[in-house]
Structure formats: structure tokens, C-alpha cells
Amino acid sequence: MNAGLYIHIPFCVRKCFYCDFYSIENRQLLDEYIKYILIEIEQKVNNYQLDSLVFDSIYFGGGTPSLLSPMQLDKILNSLHKRFNILENPEITIECNPGTVDEGKFIAYKSASVNRISIGVQSFLNYELNFLKRIHNSQQAKETIISALEAGFENVSIDLMFALPNQKVEDVLYSLEEAHKFPLNHISYYSLIYEEGTPLYDDLKNEKVSQLTDDEESNLYLEIIYNLEKYNFKQYEVSNFAKVNMQCKHNLKYWYKAPYIGLGCSAHSFYDNFRFKNVSDVNIYFDLLSKNQDPLIFSEELTQRDKIMETVYLSLRADGLILEKFAREFIFDILFELRDTLFSLLLGGFISIDETKIKLTPKGYSVCDEICLRIIKDIEKTMRL
């Protein structure tokens, strides 16, 4: 599989109170940030042996990448194309938040060769958007989708969220029905996570909000899977659903352990059996790059145990664990060695097994982490890792 490029744009109009991604509200630093992104591009090319990599996806995430002006975006893309071996017509995605982009900006992005738009809708219900402290309302979300379509984008995705406090099945179904009114090719549906260090987490601890029970969250998730399937969206990862052949090419890099290079504050990279991450502070990022130092906060080489754990976790989160590939890479017959565990999961309706792979069922996806952990522990015990 070809490699991907990820560019983190950490600026926001207002930081969402549930978000633990690195982001800041000081947009006055945006121009300077672009300057240092261009410096990091040069540094990555000069310091790493990337000649063997061929890239077919570029992804602008955040933060709010749609705060970039078309000129700023074009400047980054020109540098990427100049310094990396990028295939002709790569998938180029930019995340956009309603309230930060209009049809004119979409048209300019399209002229800059962006061909995939991901819109952070989160909900089509205003009271849910108010709870999430988003800067937009439902009408603005719809207008943003329409603007992207009218600008000529054929590959449009939206993000939605579930497991909000007191959320009911009818709330989820309403947002799905509203989404179905648009010719979307991709929907990412994320559960609300109470991340330590966020204001939402503090509200939970102070009993200002109450979390759904595991059963309530699981019921919502299964309804989402069933209804998206009804609308012809195939689930290809725990949180991602797409029409036929419209999976996000960049997302697939993560689940299939393809190499990817991250640029910008807090960006992750995976290459040549190493994982590394940039610092999560704009000023430190600037300082290190100004001294021609790598802006990394850590770098680690994957051990055999790491590789097994990641293969199990990433494969089962996505389209399944390929039996022959796993046996060849790790000299381990998982069907034979873990037959009791797998048989129990099969009887419970959590997995399906055929001659090629082990795959989670919708019920299994709802408890993905627990299943992966159980399988990994059994592998560790059997292989004495």
C-alpha cells in the first residue's frame, strides 16, 4: 500500500469542550505556523530516507483546517508536491467546520486540487450542538454540505457523534435521516469520549452530566450500523462507513499499517517500523525548527510484541484479521492456538470466521476494545511474550 501525508492544523475558532486533540484559539500565529510547516517539510526530506515512499493521499486534519486561506493551503500543497514523490491525482482531504467555510472557499480549495471534503457536522439537532458547544447550528451544517456539493465536490463526508448524555435512539435516527437527504459517500460516526483533561470530563466528575450506560451506548451504536447499512453505507472500520469503493484512502493507511508521515504540532508518523510524534506546543515546535532540530516528542521502534498487538487491534477494528498473513508474519496459527477463545466469541455472536479471516460482527464492533484485549492477552500467554 502506498504512503500518506498528514498535516495537522491546530487552530480553532473555539476549542470544543470534549476535544483532547492539540488545538489553540490564537489564530494570529497561523501565518507563522505555515512558514514552519514548510521548514519541517524540508527537514523531513533531508533527514529521513523517504525516497522509497510513494504517496497517494494527503490529509489536512485539526483543529480546524478550513481556517486556512486558499493561498495558505496552496502554499503547503505546492511544497509537498515539490519535495515528496506524490502520485498523480492523489486523494486530498481537508476537514471543514461549518461557520468557517463557504461556497467561494470550497471553489478555491477545489482549484487547489482538494478532491475530498470532510465536514464536522456532529449532529443535526440544535440542542445536541449546543451541548457540544459547536460554533454552528443545524441549518449552517446543511448549508455547508450544500455549498461543498455546489462547488463541485463529489466526494463529501460528514462526522456525526453519538453517546451524548440522555441521547435517545430517535435522536440518532433524526441525524441519520437528515444526512440521507444529501448525496454523501462517507460518514464517520464517533462515540463521545470523556477524555481526562477536558472540560467535559470535569463536568462528568462534578456530576453536571451523566454518561450513558454501556448497554445504552451499545444499543445506539447497533442502530447506527443497521440504519447506515440500510442506506448502503458499508462499515469498514469501527467508526467509518462508506458507499461502495468510497472508503477514505488515507484512513486505510492507519488500519493496514501503511507508512504515513505527519507534519505539524502533535502529528504522528509511522515509517520503517518506527513510530514518532511531534511536540504538542506551537511555540516549542517553532523553536526546535528554528534551530534545525527535529520537533519530536518521542520516537520508538516497534518490538515483536508491539507488532502483534497492533496487527490484532488495527485489523479487527477494520475489515478483519487475515489468517494467512498473520500466520506468515508471526509464525502463529491463531485459529488453532486460540481455538477455545475464538469459539466462545463465535458462539457469542461477536466474531465471524471464514477460510480467510476473523472479522468482528456489529455486536463485536460495539465491544471492540474488550475483544482485542482478550485475544492479545491469550496470544501473549501462548507465545510467552
Protein backbone atom coordinates (compact mmCIF):
# COMPACT_ATOMS: atom_id res chain seq x y z
CA MET A 1 0.00 0.00 0.00
CA ASN A 2 1.23 3.50 -0.82
CA ALA A 3 2.05 6.03 1.88
CA GLY A 4 0.05 9.01 3.16
CA LEU A 5 0.83 12.56 4.27
CA TYR A 6 -0.94 14.12 7.25
CA ILE A 7 -0.79 17.84 8.08
CA HIS A 8 -2.11 18.97 11.46
CA ILE A 9 -3.64 22.46 11.57
CA PRO A 10 -4.21 23.08 15.30
CA PHE A 11 -6.13 26.36 15.13
CA CYS A 12 -9.81 26.69 16.09
CA VAL A 13 -12.36 29.48 16.40
CA ARG A 14 -13.26 27.95 19.75
CA LYS A 15 -11.97 24.73 21.25
CA CYS A 16 -14.72 22.15 21.77
CA PHE A 17 -15.07 21.17 25.41
CA TYR A 18 -14.91 17.44 24.67
CA CYS A 19 -11.82 17.55 22.41
CA ASP A 20 -8.42 16.35 23.60
CA PHE A 21 -6.63 16.85 20.26
CA TYR A 22 -3.99 19.55 20.38
CA SER A 23 -5.58 22.82 19.28
CA ILE A 24 -5.38 26.52 20.15
CA GLU A 25 -7.58 29.57 19.59
CA ASN A 26 -4.76 32.05 18.82
CA ARG A 27 -5.16 32.30 15.05
CA GLN A 28 -2.67 35.18 14.84
CA LEU A 29 0.05 32.52 14.72
CA LEU A 30 -1.39 30.85 11.61
CA ASP A 31 0.86 32.59 9.07
CA GLU A 32 3.95 31.79 11.11
CA TYR A 33 2.76 28.21 11.52
CA ILE A 34 2.59 27.78 7.73
CA LYS A 35 6.16 29.05 7.48
CA TYR A 36 7.34 26.38 9.91
CA ILE A 37 5.32 23.64 8.22
CA LEU A 38 7.31 24.42 5.06
CA ILE A 39 10.54 24.23 7.08
CA GLU A 40 9.52 20.86 8.52
CA ILE A 41 8.78 19.55 5.03
CA GLU A 42 12.36 20.35 4.01
CA GLN A 43 13.70 18.84 7.23
CA LYS A 44 11.78 15.58 6.83
CA VAL A 45 13.00 15.15 3.28
CA ASN A 46 16.62 15.93 4.23
CA ASN A 47 16.80 13.93 7.48
CA TYR A 48 14.77 10.81 6.65
CA GLN A 49 15.26 8.27 3.89
CA LEU A 50 11.87 8.76 2.25
CA ASP A 51 12.88 8.17 -1.38
CA SER A 52 11.27 4.73 -1.41
CA LEU A 53 7.87 6.09 -0.38
CA VAL A 54 5.17 6.84 -2.94
CA PHE A 55 2.29 8.92 -1.57
CA ASP A 56 -1.30 8.74 -2.81
CA SER A 57 -3.14 10.60 -0.03
CA ILE A 58 -2.81 13.98 1.67
CA TYR A 59 -4.98 14.75 4.69
CA PHE A 60 -5.39 18.12 6.45
CA GLY A 61 -6.72 17.49 9.95
CA GLY A 62 -7.10 19.56 13.07
CA GLY A 63 -8.11 21.67 14.78
CA THR A 64 -9.97 23.42 12.02
CA PRO A 65 -8.05 23.18 8.73
CA SER A 66 -10.77 25.17 6.94
CA LEU A 67 -9.37 28.26 8.69
CA LEU A 68 -6.59 28.04 6.10
CA SER A 69 -6.96 30.53 3.28
CA PRO A 70 -6.82 29.01 -0.22
CA MET A 71 -3.44 30.73 -0.66
CA GLN A 72 -2.06 29.15 2.54
CA LEU A 73 -3.36 25.74 1.53
CA ASP A 74 -1.90 26.10 -1.95
CA LYS A 75 1.48 27.06 -0.50
CA ILE A 76 1.61 23.85 1.57
CA LEU A 77 0.42 21.65 -1.30
CA ASN A 78 2.96 23.12 -3.70
CA SER A 79 5.76 22.36 -1.25
CA LEU A 80 4.50 18.80 -0.68
CA HIS A 81 4.32 18.10 -4.41
CA LYS A 82 7.78 19.57 -4.91
CA ARG A 83 9.52 17.59 -2.16
CA PHE A 84 7.63 14.26 -1.95
CA ASN A 85 7.02 11.56 -4.53
CA ILE A 86 3.26 12.01 -4.88
CA LEU A 87 1.23 10.07 -7.43
CA GLU A 88 -0.85 11.93 -9.99
CA ASN A 89 -4.35 12.77 -8.71
CA PRO A 90 -3.86 11.78 -5.06
CA GLU A 91 -6.76 11.81 -2.62
CA ILE A 92 -6.55 15.22 -0.92
CA THR A 93 -8.87 15.71 2.06
CA ILE A 94 -9.47 18.79 4.15
CA GLU A 95 -11.56 18.78 7.31
CA CYS A 96 -14.02 21.69 7.38
CA ASN A 97 -16.20 23.04 10.16
CA PRO A 98 -19.48 24.82 9.41
CA GLY A 99 -19.10 28.52 10.10
CA THR A 100 -15.55 28.66 8.73
CA VAL A 101 -16.11 27.96 5.03
CA ASP A 102 -18.48 28.99 2.25
CA GLU A 103 -19.02 28.09 -1.40
CA GLY A 104 -16.36 30.55 -2.57
CA LYS A 105 -13.77 28.96 -0.31
CA PHE A 106 -14.81 25.48 -1.43
CA ILE A 107 -14.37 26.52 -5.06
CA ALA A 108 -10.89 27.86 -4.26
CA TYR A 109 -9.99 24.64 -2.41
CA LYS A 110 -11.11 22.65 -5.43
CA SER A 111 -8.93 24.82 -7.67
CA ALA A 112 -6.02 24.00 -5.34
CA SER A 113 -6.64 20.28 -6.16
CA VAL A 114 -8.51 19.27 -2.99
CA ASN A 115 -10.92 16.49 -4.02
CA ARG A 116 -12.37 15.24 -0.74
CA ILE A 117 -14.22 17.25 1.92
CA SER A 118 -14.87 16.07 5.48
CA ILE A 119 -17.38 18.24 7.34
CA GLY A 120 -17.61 18.24 11.15
CA VAL A 121 -21.40 18.27 11.47
CA GLN A 122 -21.59 16.18 14.71
CA SER A 123 -25.40 16.44 14.86
CA PHE A 124 -28.40 17.88 13.02
CA LEU A 125 -30.13 18.63 16.33
CA ASN A 126 -29.53 22.11 17.72
CA TYR A 127 -29.79 21.08 21.36
CA GLU A 128 -27.06 18.49 20.81
CA LEU A 129 -24.88 21.06 19.02
CA ASN A 130 -25.46 23.47 21.91
CA PHE A 131 -24.41 20.81 24.40
CA LEU A 132 -21.26 20.11 22.36
CA LYS A 133 -20.60 23.89 22.26
CA ARG A 134 -20.15 23.88 18.50
CA ILE A 135 -19.97 27.26 16.72
CA HIS A 136 -22.66 26.27 14.19
CA ASN A 137 -26.31 25.25 14.18
CA SER A 138 -28.12 22.60 12.17
CA GLN A 139 -29.06 24.95 9.34
CA GLN A 140 -25.46 26.12 8.94
CA ALA A 141 -24.33 22.49 8.80
CA LYS A 142 -26.77 21.78 5.98
CA GLU A 143 -25.74 24.93 4.12
CA THR A 144 -22.09 23.89 4.38
CA ILE A 145 -22.83 20.49 2.85
CA ILE A 146 -24.82 22.15 0.07
CA SER A 147 -22.01 24.63 -0.57
CA ALA A 148 -19.47 21.82 -0.92
CA LEU A 149 -21.71 19.97 -3.36
CA GLU A 150 -22.49 23.09 -5.38
CA ALA A 151 -18.77 23.87 -5.57
CA GLY A 152 -18.42 20.60 -7.46
CA PHE A 153 -17.15 18.20 -4.81
CA GLU A 154 -18.35 14.66 -5.46
CA ASN A 155 -16.57 13.06 -2.51
CA VAL A 156 -18.12 14.57 0.63
CA SER A 157 -18.00 13.02 4.09
CA ILE A 158 -19.51 14.17 7.37
CA ASP A 159 -18.73 13.42 11.01
CA LEU A 160 -21.54 12.65 13.45
CA MET A 161 -21.45 11.85 17.18
CA PHE A 162 -23.42 9.55 19.44
CA ALA A 163 -23.49 8.54 23.12
CA LEU A 164 -24.24 12.09 24.24
CA PRO A 165 -25.85 12.35 27.71
CA ASN A 166 -29.55 11.43 27.57
CA GLN A 167 -29.36 10.75 23.82
CA LYS A 168 -32.16 8.54 22.55
CA VAL A 169 -32.49 6.29 19.51
CA GLU A 170 -34.83 8.80 17.89
CA ASP A 171 -32.13 11.50 18.19
CA VAL A 172 -29.62 9.34 16.33
CA LEU A 173 -32.19 8.35 13.71
CA TYR A 174 -33.08 12.00 13.08
CA SER A 175 -29.48 12.93 12.30
CA LEU A 176 -29.15 9.88 10.05
CA GLU A 177 -32.32 10.79 8.17
CA GLU A 178 -31.11 14.35 7.68
CA ALA A 179 -27.76 13.08 6.43
CA HIS A 180 -29.52 10.77 3.99
CA LYS A 181 -31.05 13.81 2.25
CA PHE A 182 -27.62 14.61 0.79
CA PRO A 183 -25.58 12.58 -1.74
CA LEU A 184 -22.84 11.71 0.74
CA ASN A 185 -20.29 8.98 0.10
CA HIS A 186 -18.85 8.61 3.59
CA ILE A 187 -19.97 9.05 7.20
CA SER A 188 -17.77 8.85 10.29
CA TYR A 189 -19.80 8.21 13.44
CA TYR A 190 -17.84 8.69 16.66
CA SER A 191 -18.89 8.00 20.22
CA LEU A 192 -18.47 10.83 22.71
CA ILE A 193 -15.42 10.08 24.86
CA TYR A 194 -14.93 11.67 28.27
CA GLU A 195 -11.20 12.37 27.92
CA GLU A 196 -9.33 13.29 31.09
CA GLY A 197 -8.17 16.89 30.99
CA THR A 198 -11.18 18.19 29.06
CA PRO A 199 -13.97 20.38 30.48
CA LEU A 200 -16.43 17.59 29.60
CA TYR A 201 -14.51 15.20 31.83
CA ASP A 202 -14.63 17.73 34.65
CA ASP A 203 -18.40 18.07 34.20
CA LEU A 204 -18.74 14.30 34.45
CA LYS A 205 -16.70 14.15 37.65
CA ASN A 206 -18.69 17.04 39.10
CA GLU A 207 -21.92 15.22 38.16
CA LYS A 208 -23.06 18.04 35.87
CA VAL A 209 -23.56 15.46 33.11
CA SER A 210 -24.27 11.74 33.24
CA GLN A 211 -22.72 9.18 30.93
CA LEU A 212 -24.82 6.61 29.09
CA THR A 213 -24.55 3.05 30.34
CA ASP A 214 -22.61 0.54 28.22
CA ASP A 215 -25.89 -1.09 27.17
CA GLU A 216 -27.44 2.23 26.16
CA GLU A 217 -24.37 3.18 24.12
CA SER A 218 -24.23 -0.25 22.51
CA ASN A 219 -27.90 -0.05 21.51
CA LEU A 220 -27.36 3.32 19.85
CA TYR A 221 -24.30 2.00 18.03
CA LEU A 222 -26.12 -1.05 16.69
CA GLU A 223 -28.96 1.18 15.46
CA ILE A 224 -26.40 3.33 13.64
CA ILE A 225 -24.81 0.32 11.96
CA TYR A 226 -28.17 -1.13 10.94
CA ASN A 227 -29.53 2.13 9.53
CA LEU A 228 -26.36 3.08 7.68
CA GLU A 229 -26.36 -0.37 6.11
CA LYS A 230 -29.95 0.28 5.05
CA TYR A 231 -28.71 3.45 3.33
CA ASN A 232 -26.00 1.38 1.56
CA PHE A 233 -23.09 2.51 3.72
CA LYS A 234 -20.71 -0.39 4.37
CA GLN A 235 -18.83 -0.37 7.66
CA TYR A 236 -15.09 -0.65 7.02
CA GLU A 237 -13.83 0.38 10.45
CA VAL A 238 -15.33 0.83 13.93
CA SER A 239 -16.35 4.45 13.28
CA ASN A 240 -16.28 4.70 9.47
CA PHE A 241 -18.91 3.86 6.87
CA ALA A 242 -18.73 4.35 3.11
CA LYS A 243 -20.56 3.72 -0.12
CA VAL A 244 -19.01 1.09 -2.41
CA ASN A 245 -15.36 1.92 -3.22
CA MET A 246 -15.58 5.26 -1.37
CA GLN A 247 -13.56 4.42 1.74
CA CYS A 248 -11.18 7.18 2.80
CA LYS A 249 -7.89 6.15 1.21
CA HIS A 250 -5.94 7.99 3.90
CA ASN A 251 -7.82 6.36 6.79
CA LEU A 252 -6.96 2.95 5.42
CA LYS A 253 -3.25 3.70 5.94
CA TYR A 254 -3.74 3.55 9.70
CA TRP A 255 -5.70 0.31 9.78
CA TYR A 256 -3.43 -1.56 7.36
CA LYS A 257 -0.12 -0.34 8.81
CA ALA A 258 0.91 1.53 5.67
CA PRO A 259 3.57 4.21 6.18
CA TYR A 260 2.45 7.78 6.79
CA ILE A 261 4.34 10.98 7.51
CA GLY A 262 2.83 13.59 9.84
CA LEU A 263 3.68 17.29 9.72
CA GLY A 264 2.81 19.96 12.26
CA CYS A 265 2.26 20.07 16.01
CA SER A 266 1.29 16.72 17.61
CA ALA A 267 1.34 14.93 14.22
CA HIS A 268 2.15 11.21 14.26
CA SER A 269 4.22 9.29 11.72
CA PHE A 270 4.85 5.61 11.04
CA TYR A 271 7.72 4.56 8.83
CA ASP A 272 10.30 1.78 8.64
CA ASN A 273 8.99 0.08 11.80
CA PHE A 274 9.26 3.31 13.81
CA ARG A 275 6.50 5.45 15.29
CA PHE A 276 7.22 9.07 16.12
CA LYS A 277 5.24 12.08 17.25
CA ASN A 278 5.82 15.83 17.09
CA VAL A 279 5.62 18.10 20.13
CA SER A 280 2.17 19.37 21.08
CA ASP A 281 3.09 23.00 21.56
CA VAL A 282 3.26 25.60 18.79
CA ASN A 283 5.98 27.69 20.43
CA ILE A 284 8.23 24.71 21.14
CA TYR A 285 7.58 23.49 17.58
CA PHE A 286 8.70 26.87 16.23
CA ASP A 287 11.75 26.95 18.47
CA LEU A 288 13.01 23.48 17.57
CA LEU A 289 12.59 24.01 13.85
CA SER A 290 14.27 27.43 14.00
CA LYS A 291 17.31 25.62 15.47
CA ASN A 292 17.13 22.98 12.73
CA GLN A 293 16.16 20.37 15.32
CA ASP A 294 13.62 17.61 14.78
CA PRO A 295 10.35 18.68 16.53
CA LEU A 296 9.77 15.22 18.00
CA ILE A 297 8.50 14.44 21.47
CA PHE A 298 9.17 10.72 21.11
CA SER A 299 10.32 8.03 18.70
CA GLU A 300 10.13 4.29 19.21
CA GLU A 301 10.90 1.15 17.26
CA LEU A 302 8.15 -1.46 17.36
CA THR A 303 9.03 -4.72 19.12
CA GLN A 304 7.63 -8.07 18.05
CA ARG A 305 5.05 -7.78 20.82
CA ASP A 306 4.08 -4.28 19.64
CA LYS A 307 3.64 -5.51 16.08
CA ILE A 308 1.41 -8.41 17.15
CA MET A 309 -0.73 -6.16 19.36
CA GLU A 310 -1.11 -3.54 16.63
CA THR A 311 -1.92 -6.13 13.98
CA VAL A 312 -4.70 -7.63 16.09
CA TYR A 313 -6.11 -4.30 17.20
CA LEU A 314 -5.93 -2.49 13.87
CA SER A 315 -7.10 -5.46 11.79
CA LEU A 316 -10.12 -6.20 13.93
CA ARG A 317 -11.07 -2.51 14.08
CA ALA A 318 -11.12 -2.56 10.29
CA ASP A 319 -12.07 -5.28 7.84
CA GLY A 320 -10.71 -8.26 9.72
CA LEU A 321 -7.57 -10.20 10.62
CA ILE A 322 -6.21 -12.07 7.60
CA LEU A 323 -5.30 -15.56 8.82
CA GLU A 324 -2.64 -16.47 6.26
CA LYS A 325 -0.89 -13.10 6.58
CA PHE A 326 -0.87 -13.28 10.40
CA ALA A 327 0.48 -16.86 10.36
CA ARG A 328 3.20 -15.95 7.87
CA GLU A 329 4.31 -12.79 9.71
CA PHE A 330 4.29 -14.15 13.26
CA ILE A 331 4.60 -17.94 12.76
CA PHE A 332 1.44 -18.40 14.78
CA ASP A 333 -1.72 -20.32 13.84
CA ILE A 334 -4.26 -18.18 15.64
CA LEU A 335 -7.21 -20.43 14.74
CA PHE A 336 -5.57 -23.46 16.35
CA GLU A 337 -3.78 -21.82 19.26
CA LEU A 338 -6.75 -19.68 20.33
CA ARG A 339 -9.49 -22.10 19.35
CA ASP A 340 -11.28 -22.00 22.73
CA THR A 341 -11.34 -18.20 22.91
CA LEU A 342 -12.39 -17.81 19.28
CA PHE A 343 -15.08 -20.47 19.59
CA SER A 344 -16.51 -18.65 22.63
CA LEU A 345 -16.53 -15.32 20.75
CA LEU A 346 -18.12 -17.02 17.74
CA LEU A 347 -20.90 -18.54 19.84
CA GLY A 348 -21.49 -15.16 21.48
CA GLY A 349 -22.03 -13.57 18.09
CA PHE A 350 -19.04 -11.23 18.44
CA ILE A 351 -16.98 -12.51 15.51
CA SER A 352 -17.36 -14.33 12.21
CA ILE A 353 -14.73 -16.68 10.83
CA ASP A 354 -14.29 -17.89 7.27
CA GLU A 355 -11.42 -19.52 5.40
CA THR A 356 -9.55 -16.22 5.06
CA LYS A 357 -10.12 -14.03 8.12
CA ILE A 358 -11.59 -13.30 11.53
CA LYS A 359 -13.96 -10.33 11.45
CA LEU A 360 -16.00 -8.55 14.07
CA THR A 361 -19.78 -8.57 13.77
CA PRO A 362 -21.76 -5.39 14.55
CA LYS A 363 -22.16 -6.74 18.08
CA GLY A 364 -18.40 -7.29 18.22
CA TYR A 365 -17.64 -3.79 16.96
CA SER A 366 -19.60 -2.41 19.91
CA VAL A 367 -17.09 -4.01 22.33
CA CYS A 368 -14.07 -3.94 20.03
CA ASP A 369 -11.51 -2.93 22.65
CA GLU A 370 -12.52 -5.69 25.06
CA ILE A 371 -12.36 -8.37 22.36
CA CYS A 372 -8.97 -7.20 21.09
CA LEU A 373 -7.57 -7.12 24.62
CA ARG A 374 -8.84 -10.65 25.29
CA ILE A 375 -7.26 -12.01 22.10
CA ILE A 376 -3.98 -10.17 22.69
CA LYS A 377 -3.70 -11.49 26.25
CA ASP A 378 -4.26 -15.06 25.02
CA ILE A 379 -1.61 -14.62 22.33
CA GLU A 380 0.85 -13.24 24.89
CA LYS A 381 0.18 -16.17 27.18
CA THR A 382 0.51 -18.76 24.42
CA MET A 383 3.63 -17.20 22.85
CA ARG A 384 5.05 -16.26 26.28
CA LEU A 385 5.75 -12.70 25.20
